[in-house]
Each structure stands twice: as C-alpha cells, then as structure tokens.
Amino acid sequence: MNKLFALLQLLAALLAAALAALTIGQMVEMVRMSDTISVVHLLVGQLVLAACLLAIARSLLRRALTRLRTPKS
C-alpha cells in the first residue's frame, strides 16, 4: 500500500511541476503584451502560483522517494 501512495505522490509531483512549467511559459507570453498595471498584477500572481506549485512538487517528490526507499517491514 505504501508503494501505491508513493507512486500517486510521484505522479502528483510530476503534475504540479508540469503545471508550474506551463505557468512560467504563459508568463513569457504575457511579457510580450503592452505593459499595463493589470499585466504586472497577472505576472506577480502567476509568479506566486509557479513558486507554490514548485514547492508542492518538491515536497511531494521528497515524500514519494522516502516511501519508495523504505524497506518493507
């Protein structure tokens, strides 16, 4: 059962990292827009979102690897 949870956490970590990469890619596209205050607010919001997604992905990855490496008792 631990292996199943570890694999699900690993999958969730990969999904969160992919979403963070897509968010960063969208930020690059927004930089090309004209600079208005609303674009700046969007960039700041997406930067916070990408940072949170990467932190969640890192946490899930570390937990999944810990569960996968523990010997079965």
Foldseek 3Di string as FASTA:
>chain_A
DLLVLLVVLLVLLVVLLVVLVVLVVVLVVLVPDDDDVVSVVSNVVSVVSSVVSNVSSVVSNVSSVVSVPDDDD
